[in-house]
Each structure stands twice: as C-alpha cells, then as structure tokens.
Amino acid sequence: MRNESSSARERAESLFKRKEQQRVEGEVAYEEYTAQRAAIQERTARLRALRLAREAAMPAPAGKSGEPAGARRTLRPSRAATRL
C-alpha cells in the first residue's frame, strides 16, 4: 500500500516538474518572440524612413497625370474570348 502511494506521488511530482518546465520554456519563448517582433518593427520603421527620405530627394517623374509608369496599361483580350 505504501509502495503504491509513493509511486503515485512520484508520478505527480514528475508531472508537476514537467508542467513547470513547460511553463518556464513558454515564458522564454514568448520573450524571444516579442524581442524579434520589436526588432522587425524597428527595422521596418528605419527602412521606411530611409525610403521616404530617398523618394523626397528624388525629382518628381515627368508624367501627364502623375500616375506611376504603366498604371494605365490596357490588357489585350485573351484568345479564348475572341474566338466566341
């Protein structure tokens, strides 16, 4: 009888230790995730600022309507549509 209760206790302690280790690993993983996300946001903001500064320094393209080149490009109908 005593042997069964100690075995159950050992299983319970093992389960508790495993769950505690998973909890700690989860916290570490979340901290790594948030640090990576913050680094990505910082890089994105820096690159956006560089791009906007570069675009502001460049002269505006000489276009009729101010649209980017190729914006008014028309598409040819497909061959299947013309055979009807």
C-alpha atoms as a PDB file:
ATOM      1  CA  MET A   1       0.000   0.000   0.000  1.00  0.00           C
ATOM      2  CA  ARG A   2       2.775   2.383   0.894  1.00  0.00           C
ATOM      3  CA  ASN A   3       4.589   1.494  -2.306  1.00  0.00           C
ATOM      4  CA  GLU A   4       1.527   2.422  -4.425  1.00  0.00           C
ATOM      5  CA  SER A   5       1.157   5.831  -2.766  1.00  0.00           C
ATOM      6  CA  SER A   6       4.840   6.643  -3.211  1.00  0.00           C
ATOM      7  CA  SER A   7       4.587   5.630  -6.878  1.00  0.00           C
ATOM      8  CA  ALA A   8       1.577   7.891  -7.339  1.00  0.00           C
ATOM      9  CA  ARG A   9       3.413  10.674  -5.563  1.00  0.00           C
ATOM     10  CA  GLU A  10       6.460  10.229  -7.822  1.00  0.00           C
ATOM     11  CA  ARG A  11       4.231  10.380 -10.907  1.00  0.00           C
ATOM     12  CA  ALA A  12       2.529  13.513  -9.594  1.00  0.00           C
ATOM     13  CA  GLU A  13       5.873  15.165  -8.840  1.00  0.00           C
ATOM     14  CA  SER A  14       7.190  14.198 -12.266  1.00  0.00           C
ATOM     15  CA  LEU A  15       4.092  15.651 -13.922  1.00  0.00           C
ATOM     16  CA  PHE A  16       4.372  18.825 -11.861  1.00  0.00           C
ATOM     17  CA  LYS A  17       8.057  19.250 -12.762  1.00  0.00           C
ATOM     18  CA  ARG A  18       7.316  18.700 -16.433  1.00  0.00           C
ATOM     19  CA  LYS A  19       4.479  21.249 -16.398  1.00  0.00           C
ATOM     20  CA  GLU A  20       6.649  23.755 -14.546  1.00  0.00           C
ATOM     21  CA  GLN A  21       9.445  23.293 -17.092  1.00  0.00           C
ATOM     22  CA  GLN A  22       6.970  23.801 -19.946  1.00  0.00           C
ATOM     23  CA  ARG A  23       5.699  26.981 -18.292  1.00  0.00           C
ATOM     24  CA  VAL A  24       9.221  28.381 -17.937  1.00  0.00           C
ATOM     25  CA  GLU A  25      10.121  27.427 -21.526  1.00  0.00           C
ATOM     26  CA  GLY A  26       6.909  29.065 -22.718  1.00  0.00           C
ATOM     27  CA  GLU A  27       7.804  32.304 -20.961  1.00  0.00           C
ATOM     28  CA  VAL A  28      11.286  32.276 -22.510  1.00  0.00           C
ATOM     29  CA  ALA A  29       9.864  31.553 -25.966  1.00  0.00           C
ATOM     30  CA  TYR A  30       7.365  34.414 -25.615  1.00  0.00           C
ATOM     31  CA  GLU A  31      10.107  36.825 -24.573  1.00  0.00           C
ATOM     32  CA  GLU A  32      12.160  35.789 -27.624  1.00  0.00           C
ATOM     33  CA  TYR A  33       9.116  36.234 -29.850  1.00  0.00           C
ATOM     34  CA  THR A  34       8.378  39.732 -28.543  1.00  0.00           C
ATOM     35  CA  ALA A  35      12.046  40.729 -28.901  1.00  0.00           C
ATOM     36  CA  GLN A  36      12.112  39.513 -32.511  1.00  0.00           C
ATOM     37  CA  ARG A  37       8.859  41.312 -33.271  1.00  0.00           C
ATOM     38  CA  ALA A  38      10.197  44.569 -31.795  1.00  0.00           C
ATOM     39  CA  ALA A  39      13.396  44.231 -33.843  1.00  0.00           C
ATOM     40  CA  ILE A  40      11.383  43.707 -37.020  1.00  0.00           C
ATOM     41  CA  GLN A  41       9.233  46.751 -36.291  1.00  0.00           C
ATOM     42  CA  GLU A  42      12.321  48.877 -35.648  1.00  0.00           C
ATOM     43  CA  ARG A  43      13.956  47.742 -38.900  1.00  0.00           C
ATOM     44  CA  THR A  44      10.745  48.352 -40.811  1.00  0.00           C
ATOM     45  CA  ALA A  45      10.438  51.872 -39.408  1.00  0.00           C
ATOM     46  CA  ARG A  46      14.079  52.631 -40.224  1.00  0.00           C
ATOM     47  CA  LEU A  47      13.777  51.313 -43.767  1.00  0.00           C
ATOM     48  CA  ARG A  48      10.521  53.208 -44.302  1.00  0.00           C
ATOM     49  CA  ALA A  49      12.175  56.436 -43.159  1.00  0.00           C
ATOM     50  CA  LEU A  50      15.110  55.828 -45.498  1.00  0.00           C
ATOM     51  CA  ARG A  51      12.791  55.120 -48.424  1.00  0.00           C
ATOM     52  CA  LEU A  52      10.688  58.212 -47.788  1.00  0.00           C
ATOM     53  CA  ALA A  53      13.812  60.365 -47.498  1.00  0.00           C
ATOM     54  CA  ARG A  54      15.174  58.919 -50.737  1.00  0.00           C
ATOM     55  CA  GLU A  55      11.862  59.487 -52.527  1.00  0.00           C
ATOM     56  CA  ALA A  56      11.660  63.049 -51.205  1.00  0.00           C
ATOM     57  CA  ALA A  57      15.164  63.785 -52.503  1.00  0.00           C
ATOM     58  CA  MET A  58      14.395  62.484 -55.993  1.00  0.00           C
ATOM     59  CA  PRO A  59      12.753  64.817 -58.532  1.00  0.00           C
ATOM     60  CA  ALA A  60       9.178  64.001 -59.482  1.00  0.00           C
ATOM     61  CA  PRO A  61       8.860  61.978 -62.707  1.00  0.00           C
ATOM     62  CA  ALA A  62       7.577  63.894 -65.729  1.00  0.00           C
ATOM     63  CA  GLY A  63       4.215  62.257 -66.319  1.00  0.00           C
ATOM     64  CA  LYS A  64       0.925  63.554 -67.682  1.00  0.00           C
ATOM     65  CA  SER A  65      -1.341  62.630 -64.812  1.00  0.00           C
ATOM     66  CA  GLY A  66       1.164  61.911 -62.063  1.00  0.00           C
ATOM     67  CA  GLU A  67       0.440  58.205 -62.165  1.00  0.00           C
ATOM     68  CA  PRO A  68       3.287  55.727 -61.975  1.00  0.00           C
ATOM     69  CA  ALA A  69       4.594  54.432 -65.274  1.00  0.00           C
ATOM     70  CA  GLY A  70       2.496  51.585 -66.609  1.00  0.00           C
ATOM     71  CA  ALA A  71      -0.515  52.375 -64.440  1.00  0.00           C
ATOM     72  CA  ARG A  72      -2.820  52.896 -67.438  1.00  0.00           C
ATOM     73  CA  ARG A  73      -1.663  49.873 -69.325  1.00  0.00           C
ATOM     74  CA  THR A  74      -4.501  48.093 -71.097  1.00  0.00           C
ATOM     75  CA  LEU A  75      -4.677  44.347 -71.349  1.00  0.00           C
ATOM     76  CA  ARG A  76      -5.357  42.504 -74.582  1.00  0.00           C
ATOM     77  CA  PRO A  77      -8.322  40.168 -74.541  1.00  0.00           C
ATOM     78  CA  SER A  78      -7.416  36.518 -74.320  1.00  0.00           C
ATOM     79  CA  ARG A  79      -7.579  34.356 -77.438  1.00  0.00           C
ATOM     80  CA  ALA A  80     -10.334  32.242 -75.974  1.00  0.00           C
ATOM     81  CA  ALA A  81     -12.552  35.316 -75.567  1.00  0.00           C
ATOM     82  CA  THR A  82     -12.010  36.414 -79.171  1.00  0.00           C
ATOM     83  CA  ARG A  83     -12.995  33.014 -80.645  1.00  0.00           C
ATOM     84  CA  LEU A  84     -16.572  33.166 -79.399  1.00  0.00           C
END
